[in-house]
Each structure stands twice: as C-alpha cells, then as structure tokens.
Amino acid sequence: MDIVYISSLQVETVIGIYDWEREVRQVVTLDLEMGTDIRQAALTEDIDSTLNYKSVCDRLIEFVQESEFLLVETMAEEIATLVMHEFNVPWLKLRLGKPNAISQAADVGVIIERGKRF
C-alpha cells in the first residue's frame, strides 16, 4: 500500500461544547494519511490515476468550514467517512487537532484509523 498524505491543513470552523465556542470560529488542524496505489499514476503521470491531494484538501476545507460540531470526535468520524466514500480510500489515519483549546498545551485532539490496509 502507498500513502498519500496531507499535513497541517488549517481550517476555521465552529467547534466546541461551550457557549462562547458556538459564537466564534476556531482553527482546527488536519493531518491525513490515505491508503492508495500510486503505481498507475507513476507510470502514466496522469493525475486522474491517483488520489489527488488538492481535490481532497478542497473538499475538506469546504466541509469543515460549513460544519458545526460539538466534539472533535464527531468531526473526525465525519471527515473519515467523507474521505473514504467520496475518494474511494480503503484506509486512512486522521489526526484532528484543536490548537487553541487549552492555553497550556500546544494542541489537543484525536487520532483515528479507519478501514483496512491492503
């Protein structure tokens, strides 16, 4: 299995359980590893033969900006489902961070893995 990755994608959204969090947009960060097979793209140099990270980023930015979640856990599950279904990804690892949630910490969040490696 090959992996196409996205590192430190930053998107503003409404996320959190506290009243003040529902009134402001906060930045979340996404790190994503997606299982795929790049051999055909490498042979043909055809972008349509691979998992296009720009298309994934554009879709995630759109989705996260338009979404409102209480928990990062829910957002992570929805992102994983979207990527796996819309981009035909059989396995992924997602790190979703909320960098300004705890003033004493650089970042907090969740890491999930979904699907099966081939």
PDB file of N, CA and C in Angstrom:
ATOM      1  N   MET A   1       0.844  -1.177   0.000  1.00  0.00           N
ATOM      2  CA  MET A   1       0.000   0.000   0.000  1.00  0.00           C
ATOM      3  C   MET A   1       0.886   1.235   0.000  1.00  0.00           C
ATOM      4  N   ASP A   2       0.460   2.220  -0.752  1.00  0.00           N
ATOM      5  CA  ASP A   2       1.114   3.518  -0.768  1.00  0.00           C
ATOM      6  C   ASP A   2       0.259   4.479   0.046  1.00  0.00           C
ATOM      7  N   ILE A   3       0.858   5.579   0.431  1.00  0.00           N
ATOM      8  CA  ILE A   3       0.135   6.565   1.244  1.00  0.00           C
ATOM      9  C   ILE A   3       0.282   7.943   0.617  1.00  0.00           C
ATOM     10  N   VAL A   4      -0.841   8.578   0.382  1.00  0.00           N
ATOM     11  CA  VAL A   4      -0.881   9.994   0.029  1.00  0.00           C
ATOM     12  C   VAL A   4      -1.228  10.726   1.319  1.00  0.00           C
ATOM     13  N   TYR A   5      -0.474  11.787   1.629  1.00  0.00           N
ATOM     14  CA  TYR A   5      -0.721  12.460   2.906  1.00  0.00           C
ATOM     15  C   TYR A   5      -0.942  13.958   2.740  1.00  0.00           C
ATOM     16  N   ILE A   6      -1.597  14.493   3.755  1.00  0.00           N
ATOM     17  CA  ILE A   6      -1.821  15.934   3.899  1.00  0.00           C
ATOM     18  C   ILE A   6      -1.370  16.277   5.308  1.00  0.00           C
ATOM     19  N   SER A   7      -0.567  17.309   5.446  1.00  0.00           N
ATOM     20  CA  SER A   7      -0.028  17.670   6.755  1.00  0.00           C
ATOM     21  C   SER A   7      -0.400  19.100   7.123  1.00  0.00           C
ATOM     22  N   SER A   8      -0.931  19.249   8.318  1.00  0.00           N
ATOM     23  CA  SER A   8      -1.213  20.566   8.917  1.00  0.00           C
ATOM     24  C   SER A   8      -2.162  21.431   8.091  1.00  0.00           C
ATOM     25  N   LEU A   9      -3.204  20.825   7.548  1.00  0.00           N
ATOM     26  CA  LEU A   9      -4.239  21.602   6.868  1.00  0.00           C
ATOM     27  C   LEU A   9      -5.020  22.362   7.932  1.00  0.00           C
ATOM     28  N   GLN A  10      -5.067  23.681   7.834  1.00  0.00           N
ATOM     29  CA  GLN A  10      -5.736  24.516   8.826  1.00  0.00           C
ATOM     30  C   GLN A  10      -7.038  25.063   8.254  1.00  0.00           C
ATOM     31  N   VAL A  11      -8.119  24.868   9.028  1.00  0.00           N
ATOM     32  CA  VAL A  11      -9.442  25.292   8.586  1.00  0.00           C
ATOM     33  C   VAL A  11     -10.174  25.922   9.772  1.00  0.00           C
ATOM     34  N   GLU A  12     -10.864  27.029   9.522  1.00  0.00           N
ATOM     35  CA  GLU A  12     -11.682  27.660  10.554  1.00  0.00           C
ATOM     36  C   GLU A  12     -13.080  27.059  10.547  1.00  0.00           C
ATOM     37  N   THR A  13     -13.614  26.830  11.749  1.00  0.00           N
ATOM     38  CA  THR A  13     -14.931  26.218  11.876  1.00  0.00           C
ATOM     39  C   THR A  13     -15.528  26.546  13.238  1.00  0.00           C
ATOM     40  N   VAL A  14     -16.758  26.142  13.437  1.00  0.00           N
ATOM     41  CA  VAL A  14     -17.396  26.233  14.749  1.00  0.00           C
ATOM     42  C   VAL A  14     -17.282  24.853  15.382  1.00  0.00           C
ATOM     43  N   ILE A  15     -16.562  24.794  16.508  1.00  0.00           N
ATOM     44  CA  ILE A  15     -16.326  23.520  17.193  1.00  0.00           C
ATOM     45  C   ILE A  15     -16.240  23.771  18.697  1.00  0.00           C
ATOM     46  N   GLY A  16     -16.964  22.976  19.457  1.00  0.00           N
ATOM     47  CA  GLY A  16     -16.856  23.085  20.908  1.00  0.00           C
ATOM     48  C   GLY A  16     -18.188  22.963  21.611  1.00  0.00           C
ATOM     49  N   ILE A  17     -18.104  22.689  22.908  1.00  0.00           N
ATOM     50  CA  ILE A  17     -19.302  22.464  23.718  1.00  0.00           C
ATOM     51  C   ILE A  17     -19.719  23.690  24.525  1.00  0.00           C
ATOM     52  N   TYR A  18     -18.835  24.650  24.682  1.00  0.00           N
ATOM     53  CA  TYR A  18     -19.142  25.820  25.499  1.00  0.00           C
ATOM     54  C   TYR A  18     -19.842  26.896  24.670  1.00  0.00           C
ATOM     55  N   ASP A  19     -20.679  27.675  25.332  1.00  0.00           N
ATOM     56  CA  ASP A  19     -21.448  28.711  24.635  1.00  0.00           C
ATOM     57  C   ASP A  19     -20.553  29.644  23.824  1.00  0.00           C
ATOM     58  N   TRP A  20     -19.441  30.083  24.418  1.00  0.00           N
ATOM     59  CA  TRP A  20     -18.568  31.016  23.701  1.00  0.00           C
ATOM     60  C   TRP A  20     -17.979  30.376  22.452  1.00  0.00           C
ATOM     61  N   GLU A  21     -17.774  29.043  22.477  1.00  0.00           N
ATOM     62  CA  GLU A  21     -17.220  28.354  21.312  1.00  0.00           C
ATOM     63  C   GLU A  21     -18.219  28.284  20.161  1.00  0.00           C
ATOM     64  N   ARG A  22     -19.473  28.378  20.476  1.00  0.00           N
ATOM     65  CA  ARG A  22     -20.508  28.319  19.449  1.00  0.00           C
ATOM     66  C   ARG A  22     -20.661  29.671  18.742  1.00  0.00           C
ATOM     67  N   GLU A  23     -20.024  30.709  19.289  1.00  0.00           N
ATOM     68  CA  GLU A  23     -20.155  32.067  18.742  1.00  0.00           C
ATOM     69  C   GLU A  23     -18.939  32.541  17.950  1.00  0.00           C
ATOM     70  N   VAL A  24     -17.850  31.774  17.976  1.00  0.00           N
ATOM     71  CA  VAL A  24     -16.626  32.172  17.278  1.00  0.00           C
ATOM     72  C   VAL A  24     -16.142  31.023  16.401  1.00  0.00           C
ATOM     73  N   ARG A  25     -15.369  31.375  15.414  1.00  0.00           N
ATOM     74  CA  ARG A  25     -14.754  30.348  14.568  1.00  0.00           C
ATOM     75  C   ARG A  25     -13.359  30.062  15.124  1.00  0.00           C
ATOM     76  N   GLN A  26     -13.033  28.799  15.198  1.00  0.00           N
ATOM     77  CA  GLN A  26     -11.736  28.367  15.699  1.00  0.00           C
ATOM     78  C   GLN A  26     -11.014  27.575  14.614  1.00  0.00           C
ATOM     79  N   VAL A  27      -9.710  27.555  14.698  1.00  0.00           N
ATOM     80  CA  VAL A  27      -8.907  26.797  13.753  1.00  0.00           C
ATOM     81  C   VAL A  27      -8.780  25.361  14.251  1.00  0.00           C
ATOM     82  N   VAL A  28      -8.991  24.420  13.320  1.00  0.00           N
ATOM     83  CA  VAL A  28      -8.630  23.025  13.561  1.00  0.00           C
ATOM     84  C   VAL A  28      -7.551  22.661  12.551  1.00  0.00           C
ATOM     85  N   THR A  29      -6.712  21.698  12.914  1.00  0.00           N
ATOM     86  CA  THR A  29      -5.671  21.239  12.004  1.00  0.00           C
ATOM     87  C   THR A  29      -5.910  19.770  11.672  1.00  0.00           C
ATOM     88  N   LEU A  30      -5.655  19.429  10.430  1.00  0.00           N
ATOM     89  CA  LEU A  30      -5.866  18.062   9.958  1.00  0.00           C
ATOM     90  C   LEU A  30      -4.568  17.510   9.391  1.00  0.00           C
ATOM     91  N   ASP A  31      -4.198  16.330   9.855  1.00  0.00           N
ATOM     92  CA  ASP A  31      -3.128  15.536   9.255  1.00  0.00           C
ATOM     93  C   ASP A  31      -3.794  14.250   8.799  1.00  0.00           C
ATOM     94  N   LEU A  32      -3.593  13.906   7.557  1.00  0.00           N
ATOM     95  CA  LEU A  32      -4.307  12.775   6.988  1.00  0.00           C
ATOM     96  C   LEU A  32      -3.344  11.899   6.201  1.00  0.00           C
ATOM     97  N   GLU A  33      -3.378  10.595   6.462  1.00  0.00           N
ATOM     98  CA  GLU A  33      -2.676   9.599   5.663  1.00  0.00           C
ATOM     99  C   GLU A  33      -3.741   8.733   5.021  1.00  0.00           C
ATOM    100  N   MET A  34      -3.668   8.568   3.709  1.00  0.00           N
ATOM    101  CA  MET A  34      -4.697   7.832   2.967  1.00  0.00           C
ATOM    102  C   MET A  34      -4.057   6.728   2.143  1.00  0.00           C
ATOM    103  N   GLY A  35      -4.524   5.509   2.354  1.00  0.00           N
ATOM    104  CA  GLY A  35      -4.010   4.365   1.620  1.00  0.00           C
ATOM    105  C   GLY A  35      -4.497   4.369   0.179  1.00  0.00           C
ATOM    106  N   THR A  36      -3.581   4.096  -0.726  1.00  0.00           N
ATOM    107  CA  THR A  36      -3.908   4.079  -2.155  1.00  0.00           C
ATOM    108  C   THR A  36      -2.829   3.292  -2.898  1.00  0.00           C
ATOM    109  N   ASP A  37      -2.935   3.229  -4.182  1.00  0.00           N
ATOM    110  CA  ASP A  37      -1.922   2.603  -5.029  1.00  0.00           C
ATOM    111  C   ASP A  37      -1.508   3.636  -6.076  1.00  0.00           C
ATOM    112  N   ILE A  38      -0.265   4.078  -6.016  1.00  0.00           N
ATOM    113  CA  ILE A  38       0.191   5.148  -6.910  1.00  0.00           C
ATOM    114  C   ILE A  38       0.881   4.633  -8.170  1.00  0.00           C
ATOM    115  N   ARG A  39       0.991   3.326  -8.335  1.00  0.00           N
ATOM    116  CA  ARG A  39       1.782   2.775  -9.449  1.00  0.00           C
ATOM    117  C   ARG A  39       1.303   3.242 -10.822  1.00  0.00           C
ATOM    118  N   GLN A  40       0.004   3.219 -11.063  1.00  0.00           N
ATOM    119  CA  GLN A  40      -0.509   3.632 -12.384  1.00  0.00           C
ATOM    120  C   GLN A  40      -0.208   5.107 -12.660  1.00  0.00           C
ATOM    121  N   ALA A  41      -0.383   5.929 -11.648  1.00  0.00           N
ATOM    122  CA  ALA A  41      -0.072   7.356 -11.813  1.00  0.00           C
ATOM    123  C   ALA A  41       1.410   7.565 -12.082  1.00  0.00           C
ATOM    124  N   ALA A  42       2.251   6.799 -11.401  1.00  0.00           N
ATOM    125  CA  ALA A  42       3.692   6.917 -11.612  1.00  0.00           C
ATOM    126  C   ALA A  42       4.088   6.503 -13.030  1.00  0.00           C
ATOM    127  N   LEU A  43       3.424   5.499 -13.555  1.00  0.00           N
ATOM    128  CA  LEU A  43       3.722   5.036 -14.924  1.00  0.00           C
ATOM    129  C   LEU A  43       3.250   6.016 -15.986  1.00  0.00           C
ATOM    130  N   THR A  44       2.082   6.610 -15.761  1.00  0.00           N
ATOM    131  CA  THR A  44       1.459   7.435 -16.800  1.00  0.00           C
ATOM    132  C   THR A  44       1.602   8.934 -16.564  1.00  0.00           C
ATOM    133  N   GLU A  45       1.968   9.308 -15.354  1.00  0.00           N
ATOM    134  CA  GLU A  45       1.983  10.716 -14.946  1.00  0.00           C
ATOM    135  C   GLU A  45       0.636  11.382 -15.191  1.00  0.00           C
ATOM    136  N   ASP A  46      -0.416  10.635 -14.929  1.00  0.00           N
ATOM    137  CA  ASP A  46      -1.790  11.097 -15.114  1.00  0.00           C
ATOM    138  C   ASP A  46      -2.419  11.341 -13.745  1.00  0.00           C
ATOM    139  N   ILE A  47      -2.772  12.572 -13.460  1.00  0.00           N
ATOM    140  CA  ILE A  47      -3.347  12.934 -12.160  1.00  0.00           C
ATOM    141  C   ILE A  47      -4.645  12.195 -11.888  1.00  0.00           C
ATOM    142  N   ASP A  48      -5.374  11.830 -12.933  1.00  0.00           N
ATOM    143  CA  ASP A  48      -6.623  11.106 -12.754  1.00  0.00           C
ATOM    144  C   ASP A  48      -6.404   9.659 -12.315  1.00  0.00           C
ATOM    145  N   SER A  49      -5.158   9.202 -12.332  1.00  0.00           N
ATOM    146  CA  SER A  49      -4.833   7.835 -11.928  1.00  0.00           C
ATOM    147  C   SER A  49      -4.379   7.745 -10.473  1.00  0.00           C
ATOM    148  N   THR A  50      -4.479   8.827  -9.755  1.00  0.00           N
ATOM    149  CA  THR A  50      -4.016   8.821  -8.370  1.00  0.00           C
ATOM    150  C   THR A  50      -5.036   9.503  -7.466  1.00  0.00           C
ATOM    151  N   LEU A  51      -4.766   9.485  -6.203  1.00  0.00           N
ATOM    152  CA  LEU A  51      -5.575  10.202  -5.223  1.00  0.00           C
ATOM    153  C   LEU A  51      -5.075  11.646  -5.202  1.00  0.00           C
ATOM    154  N   ASN A  52      -5.880  12.554  -5.696  1.00  0.00           N
ATOM    155  CA  ASN A  52      -5.486  13.949  -5.868  1.00  0.00           C
ATOM    156  C   ASN A  52      -5.603  14.690  -4.538  1.00  0.00           C
ATOM    157  N   TYR A  53      -4.468  14.961  -3.909  1.00  0.00           N
ATOM    158  CA  TYR A  53      -4.490  15.612  -2.599  1.00  0.00           C
ATOM    159  C   TYR A  53      -5.081  17.015  -2.651  1.00  0.00           C
ATOM    160  N   LYS A  54      -4.956  17.699  -3.783  1.00  0.00           N
ATOM    161  CA  LYS A  54      -5.583  19.026  -3.899  1.00  0.00           C
ATOM    162  C   LYS A  54      -7.097  18.908  -3.854  1.00  0.00           C
ATOM    163  N   SER A  55      -7.653  17.932  -4.548  1.00  0.00           N
ATOM    164  CA  SER A  55      -9.104  17.720  -4.512  1.00  0.00           C
ATOM    165  C   SER A  55      -9.575  17.352  -3.109  1.00  0.00           C
ATOM    166  N   VAL A  56      -8.799  16.519  -2.416  1.00  0.00           N
ATOM    167  CA  VAL A  56      -9.159  16.148  -1.041  1.00  0.00           C
ATOM    168  C   VAL A  56      -9.116  17.387  -0.146  1.00  0.00           C
ATOM    169  N   CYS A  57      -8.066  18.177  -0.254  1.00  0.00           N
ATOM    170  CA  CYS A  57      -7.958  19.405   0.563  1.00  0.00           C
ATOM    171  C   CYS A  57      -9.116  20.355   0.292  1.00  0.00           C
ATOM    172  N   ASP A  58      -9.408  20.587  -0.972  1.00  0.00           N
ATOM    173  CA  ASP A  58     -10.509  21.495  -1.318  1.00  0.00           C
ATOM    174  C   ASP A  58     -11.820  21.020  -0.708  1.00  0.00           C
ATOM    175  N   ARG A  59     -12.084  19.719  -0.792  1.00  0.00           N
ATOM    176  CA  ARG A  59     -13.330  19.172  -0.256  1.00  0.00           C
ATOM    177  C   ARG A  59     -13.369  19.254   1.265  1.00  0.00           C
ATOM    178  N   LEU A  60     -12.233  18.979   1.925  1.00  0.00           N
ATOM    179  CA  LEU A  60     -12.190  19.063   3.383  1.00  0.00           C
ATOM    180  C   LEU A  60     -12.355  20.499   3.869  1.00  0.00           C
ATOM    181  N   ILE A  61     -11.724  21.432   3.198  1.00  0.00           N
ATOM    182  CA  ILE A  61     -11.877  22.842   3.580  1.00  0.00           C
ATOM    183  C   ILE A  61     -13.341  23.241   3.473  1.00  0.00           C
ATOM    184  N   GLU A  62     -13.969  22.905   2.361  1.00  0.00           N
ATOM    185  CA  GLU A  62     -15.388  23.223   2.177  1.00  0.00           C
ATOM    186  C   GLU A  62     -16.243  22.586   3.275  1.00  0.00           C
ATOM    187  N   PHE A  63     -16.038  21.302   3.520  1.00  0.00           N
ATOM    188  CA  PHE A  63     -16.844  20.580   4.507  1.00  0.00           C
ATOM    189  C   PHE A  63     -16.668  21.144   5.918  1.00  0.00           C
ATOM    190  N   VAL A  64     -15.422  21.312   6.338  1.00  0.00           N
ATOM    191  CA  VAL A  64     -15.152  21.754   7.710  1.00  0.00           C
ATOM    192  C   VAL A  64     -15.613  23.191   7.925  1.00  0.00           C
ATOM    193  N   GLN A  65     -15.395  24.072   6.950  1.00  0.00           N
ATOM    194  CA  GLN A  65     -15.837  25.466   7.094  1.00  0.00           C
ATOM    195  C   GLN A  65     -17.347  25.569   7.243  1.00  0.00           C
ATOM    196  N   GLU A  66     -18.078  24.701   6.558  1.00  0.00           N
ATOM    197  CA  GLU A  66     -19.539  24.763   6.586  1.00  0.00           C
ATOM    198  C   GLU A  66     -20.155  23.982   7.745  1.00  0.00           C
ATOM    199  N   SER A  67     -19.351  23.226   8.467  1.00  0.00           N
ATOM    200  CA  SER A  67     -19.855  22.361   9.532  1.00  0.00           C
ATOM    201  C   SER A  67     -19.810  23.044  10.893  1.00  0.00           C
ATOM    202  N   GLU A  68     -20.616  22.508  11.786  1.00  0.00           N
ATOM    203  CA  GLU A  68     -20.571  22.891  13.200  1.00  0.00           C
ATOM    204  C   GLU A  68     -20.693  21.611  14.011  1.00  0.00           C
ATOM    205  N   PHE A  69     -19.706  21.359  14.862  1.00  0.00           N
ATOM    206  CA  PHE A  69     -19.710  20.169  15.709  1.00  0.00           C
ATOM    207  C   PHE A  69     -19.469  20.564  17.153  1.00  0.00           C
ATOM    208  N   LEU A  70     -19.977  19.755  18.060  1.00  0.00           N
ATOM    209  CA  LEU A  70     -19.702  19.933  19.477  1.00  0.00           C
ATOM    210  C   LEU A  70     -18.358  19.308  19.842  1.00  0.00           C
ATOM    211  N   LEU A  71     -18.095  18.113  19.305  1.00  0.00           N
ATOM    212  CA  LEU A  71     -16.902  17.355  19.686  1.00  0.00           C
ATOM    213  C   LEU A  71     -15.969  17.121  18.504  1.00  0.00           C
ATOM    214  N   VAL A  72     -14.668  17.134  18.770  1.00  0.00           N
ATOM    215  CA  VAL A  72     -13.693  16.800  17.731  1.00  0.00           C
ATOM    216  C   VAL A  72     -13.858  15.340  17.307  1.00  0.00           C
ATOM    217  N   GLU A  73     -14.322  14.490  18.215  1.00  0.00           N
ATOM    218  CA  GLU A  73     -14.546  13.086  17.884  1.00  0.00           C
ATOM    219  C   GLU A  73     -15.577  12.939  16.762  1.00  0.00           C
ATOM    220  N   THR A  74     -16.653  13.706  16.851  1.00  0.00           N
ATOM    221  CA  THR A  74     -17.692  13.651  15.817  1.00  0.00           C
ATOM    222  C   THR A  74     -17.157  14.188  14.496  1.00  0.00           C
ATOM    223  N   MET A  75     -16.439  15.298  14.549  1.00  0.00           N
ATOM    224  CA  MET A  75     -15.863  15.860  13.337  1.00  0.00           C
ATOM    225  C   MET A  75     -14.910  14.869  12.687  1.00  0.00           C
ATOM    226  N   ALA A  76     -14.074  14.212  13.471  1.00  0.00           N
ATOM    227  CA  ALA A  76     -13.123  13.242  12.934  1.00  0.00           C
ATOM    228  C   ALA A  76     -13.848  12.093  12.224  1.00  0.00           C
ATOM    229  N   GLU A  77     -14.886  11.563  12.841  1.00  0.00           N
ATOM    230  CA  GLU A  77     -15.639  10.467  12.225  1.00  0.00           C
ATOM    231  C   GLU A  77     -16.283  10.907  10.911  1.00  0.00           C
ATOM    232  N   GLU A  78     -16.841  12.098  10.883  1.00  0.00           N
ATOM    233  CA  GLU A  78     -17.485  12.598   9.661  1.00  0.00           C
ATOM    234  C   GLU A  78     -16.464  12.832   8.551  1.00  0.00           C
ATOM    235  N   ILE A  79     -15.300  13.350   8.902  1.00  0.00           N
ATOM    236  CA  ILE A  79     -14.246  13.561   7.909  1.00  0.00           C
ATOM    237  C   ILE A  79     -13.781  12.216   7.348  1.00  0.00           C
ATOM    238  N   ALA A  80     -13.565  11.240   8.222  1.00  0.00           N
ATOM    239  CA  ALA A  80     -13.125   9.919   7.770  1.00  0.00           C
ATOM    240  C   ALA A  80     -14.143   9.300   6.816  1.00  0.00           C
ATOM    241  N   THR A  81     -15.407   9.374   7.173  1.00  0.00           N
ATOM    242  CA  THR A  81     -16.466   8.829   6.316  1.00  0.00           C
ATOM    243  C   THR A  81     -16.483   9.523   4.961  1.00  0.00           C
ATOM    244  N   LEU A  82     -16.401  10.847   4.969  1.00  0.00           N
ATOM    245  CA  LEU A  82     -16.400  11.618   3.721  1.00  0.00           C
ATOM    246  C   LEU A  82     -15.245  11.196   2.812  1.00  0.00           C
ATOM    247  N   VAL A  83     -14.035  11.171   3.351  1.00  0.00           N
ATOM    248  CA  VAL A  83     -12.865  10.856   2.537  1.00  0.00           C
ATOM    249  C   VAL A  83     -12.942   9.432   1.989  1.00  0.00           C
ATOM    250  N   MET A  84     -13.322   8.500   2.839  1.00  0.00           N
ATOM    251  CA  MET A  84     -13.371   7.108   2.401  1.00  0.00           C
ATOM    252  C   MET A  84     -14.414   6.894   1.307  1.00  0.00           C
ATOM    253  N   HIS A  85     -15.561   7.529   1.438  1.00  0.00           N
ATOM    254  CA  HIS A  85     -16.633   7.327   0.463  1.00  0.00           C
ATOM    255  C   HIS A  85     -16.450   8.161  -0.805  1.00  0.00           C
ATOM    256  N   GLU A  86     -16.129   9.433  -0.654  1.00  0.00           N
ATOM    257  CA  GLU A  86     -16.048  10.304  -1.832  1.00  0.00           C
ATOM    258  C   GLU A  86     -14.780  10.101  -2.653  1.00  0.00           C
ATOM    259  N   PHE A  87     -13.713   9.612  -2.010  1.00  0.00           N
ATOM    260  CA  PHE A  87     -12.445   9.464  -2.729  1.00  0.00           C
ATOM    261  C   PHE A  87     -11.996   8.005  -2.819  1.00  0.00           C
ATOM    262  N   ASN A  88     -12.884   7.098  -2.462  1.00  0.00           N
ATOM    263  CA  ASN A  88     -12.618   5.663  -2.575  1.00  0.00           C
ATOM    264  C   ASN A  88     -11.316   5.267  -1.885  1.00  0.00           C
ATOM    265  N   VAL A  89     -11.174   5.692  -0.640  1.00  0.00           N
ATOM    266  CA  VAL A  89      -9.987   5.408   0.156  1.00  0.00           C
ATOM    267  C   VAL A  89     -10.305   4.237   1.086  1.00  0.00           C
ATOM    268  N   PRO A  90      -9.576   3.124   0.978  1.00  0.00           N
ATOM    269  CA  PRO A  90      -9.885   1.956   1.800  1.00  0.00           C
ATOM    270  C   PRO A  90      -9.384   2.047   3.235  1.00  0.00           C
ATOM    271  N   TRP A  91      -8.369   2.881   3.473  1.00  0.00           N
ATOM    272  CA  TRP A  91      -7.782   3.032   4.809  1.00  0.00           C
ATOM    273  C   TRP A  91      -7.306   4.460   4.981  1.00  0.00           C
ATOM    274  N   LEU A  92      -7.485   4.979   6.190  1.00  0.00           N
ATOM    275  CA  LEU A  92      -6.924   6.293   6.486  1.00  0.00           C
ATOM    276  C   LEU A  92      -6.586   6.423   7.956  1.00  0.00           C
ATOM    277  N   LYS A  93      -5.678   7.320   8.206  1.00  0.00           N
ATOM    278  CA  LYS A  93      -5.322   7.729   9.565  1.00  0.00           C
ATOM    279  C   LYS A  93      -5.482   9.239   9.597  1.00  0.00           C
ATOM    280  N   LEU A  94      -6.244   9.719  10.555  1.00  0.00           N
ATOM    281  CA  LEU A  94      -6.558  11.142  10.663  1.00  0.00           C
ATOM    282  C   LEU A  94      -6.174  11.648  12.043  1.00  0.00           C
ATOM    283  N   ARG A  95      -5.451  12.745  12.056  1.00  0.00           N
ATOM    284  CA  ARG A  95      -5.162  13.464  13.297  1.00  0.00           C
ATOM    285  C   ARG A  95      -5.878  14.791  13.194  1.00  0.00           C
ATOM    286  N   LEU A  96      -6.805  15.032  14.114  1.00  0.00           N
ATOM    287  CA  LEU A  96      -7.557  16.286  14.135  1.00  0.00           C
ATOM    288  C   LEU A  96      -7.181  17.030  15.413  1.00  0.00           C
ATOM    289  N   GLY A  97      -6.581  18.203  15.254  1.00  0.00           N
ATOM    290  CA  GLY A  97      -6.127  18.986  16.392  1.00  0.00           C
ATOM    291  C   GLY A  97      -6.929  20.265  16.552  1.00  0.00           C
ATOM    292  N   LYS A  98      -7.034  20.673  17.801  1.00  0.00           N
ATOM    293  CA  LYS A  98      -7.693  21.924  18.151  1.00  0.00           C
ATOM    294  C   LYS A  98      -6.660  22.742  18.943  1.00  0.00           C
ATOM    295  N   PRO A  99      -5.816  23.502  18.226  1.00  0.00           N
ATOM    296  CA  PRO A  99      -4.627  24.093  18.840  1.00  0.00           C
ATOM    297  C   PRO A  99      -4.872  25.133  19.925  1.00  0.00           C
ATOM    298  N   ASN A 100      -5.989  25.784  19.941  1.00  0.00           N
ATOM    299  CA  ASN A 100      -6.208  26.829  20.940  1.00  0.00           C
ATOM    300  C   ASN A 100      -7.182  26.421  22.041  1.00  0.00           C
ATOM    301  N   ALA A 101      -7.435  25.134  22.180  1.00  0.00           N
ATOM    302  CA  ALA A 101      -8.434  24.667  23.142  1.00  0.00           C
ATOM    303  C   ALA A 101      -7.959  24.775  24.588  1.00  0.00           C
ATOM    304  N   ILE A 102      -6.702  24.485  24.840  1.00  0.00           N
ATOM    305  CA  ILE A 102      -6.129  24.514  26.192  1.00  0.00           C
ATOM    306  C   ILE A 102      -4.927  25.455  26.146  1.00  0.00           C
ATOM    307  N   SER A 103      -4.969  26.512  26.921  1.00  0.00           N
ATOM    308  CA  SER A 103      -3.918  27.530  26.825  1.00  0.00           C
ATOM    309  C   SER A 103      -2.539  26.991  27.204  1.00  0.00           C
ATOM    310  N   GLN A 104      -2.467  26.003  28.060  1.00  0.00           N
ATOM    311  CA  GLN A 104      -1.178  25.458  28.470  1.00  0.00           C
ATOM    312  C   GLN A 104      -0.640  24.385  27.504  1.00  0.00           C
ATOM    313  N   ALA A 105      -1.416  24.002  26.517  1.00  0.00           N
ATOM    314  CA  ALA A 105      -0.999  22.956  25.576  1.00  0.00           C
ATOM    315  C   ALA A 105      -0.878  23.530  24.165  1.00  0.00           C
ATOM    316  N   ALA A 106       0.086  23.034  23.425  1.00  0.00           N
ATOM    317  CA  ALA A 106       0.251  23.472  22.042  1.00  0.00           C
ATOM    318  C   ALA A 106      -0.918  23.001  21.182  1.00  0.00           C
ATOM    319  N   ASP A 107      -1.463  21.830  21.509  1.00  0.00           N
ATOM    320  CA  ASP A 107      -2.523  21.251  20.692  1.00  0.00           C
ATOM    321  C   ASP A 107      -3.169  20.108  21.461  1.00  0.00           C
ATOM    322  N   VAL A 108      -4.432  19.868  21.194  1.00  0.00           N
ATOM    323  CA  VAL A 108      -5.153  18.705  21.717  1.00  0.00           C
ATOM    324  C   VAL A 108      -6.039  18.189  20.598  1.00  0.00           C
ATOM    325  N   GLY A 109      -6.481  16.950  20.702  1.00  0.00           N
ATOM    326  CA  GLY A 109      -7.357  16.427  19.666  1.00  0.00           C
ATOM    327  C   GLY A 109      -7.453  14.922  19.706  1.00  0.00           C
ATOM    328  N   VAL A 110      -7.728  14.342  18.538  1.00  0.00           N
ATOM    329  CA  VAL A 110      -7.875  12.894  18.425  1.00  0.00           C
ATOM    330  C   VAL A 110      -7.122  12.379  17.209  1.00  0.00           C
ATOM    331  N   ILE A 111      -6.764  11.116  17.270  1.00  0.00           N
ATOM    332  CA  ILE A 111      -6.185  10.403  16.135  1.00  0.00           C
ATOM    333  C   ILE A 111      -7.033   9.154  15.938  1.00  0.00           C
ATOM    334  N   ILE A 112      -7.531   8.977  14.715  1.00  0.00           N
ATOM    335  CA  ILE A 112      -8.322   7.785  14.421  1.00  0.00           C
ATOM    336  C   ILE A 112      -7.774   7.095  13.180  1.00  0.00           C
ATOM    337  N   GLU A 113      -7.977   5.801  13.121  1.00  0.00           N
ATOM    338  CA  GLU A 113      -7.649   4.996  11.951  1.00  0.00           C
ATOM    339  C   GLU A 113      -8.902   4.255  11.552  1.00  0.00           C
ATOM    340  N   ARG A 114      -9.229   4.290  10.263  1.00  0.00           N
ATOM    341  CA  ARG A 114     -10.433   3.623   9.781  1.00  0.00           C
ATOM    342  C   ARG A 114     -10.111   2.827   8.516  1.00  0.00           C
ATOM    343  N   GLY A 115     -10.820   1.741   8.326  1.00  0.00           N
ATOM    344  CA  GLY A 115     -10.642   0.927   7.142  1.00  0.00           C
ATOM    345  C   GLY A 115      -9.599  -0.148   7.332  1.00  0.00           C
ATOM    346  N   LYS A 116      -9.234  -0.776   6.232  1.00  0.00           N
ATOM    347  CA  LYS A 116      -8.266  -1.864   6.254  1.00  0.00           C
ATOM    348  C   LYS A 116      -7.110  -1.560   5.315  1.00  0.00           C
ATOM    349  N   ARG A 117      -5.918  -1.789   5.827  1.00  0.00           N
ATOM    350  CA  ARG A 117      -4.725  -1.676   4.977  1.00  0.00           C
ATOM    351  C   ARG A 117      -4.696  -2.849   4.024  1.00  0.00           C
ATOM    352  N   PHE A 118      -4.242  -2.606   2.829  1.00  0.00           N
ATOM    353  CA  PHE A 118      -4.143  -3.717   1.872  1.00  0.00           C
ATOM    354  C   PHE A 118      -2.718  -3.989   1.500  1.00  0.00           C
TER     355      PHE A 118
END
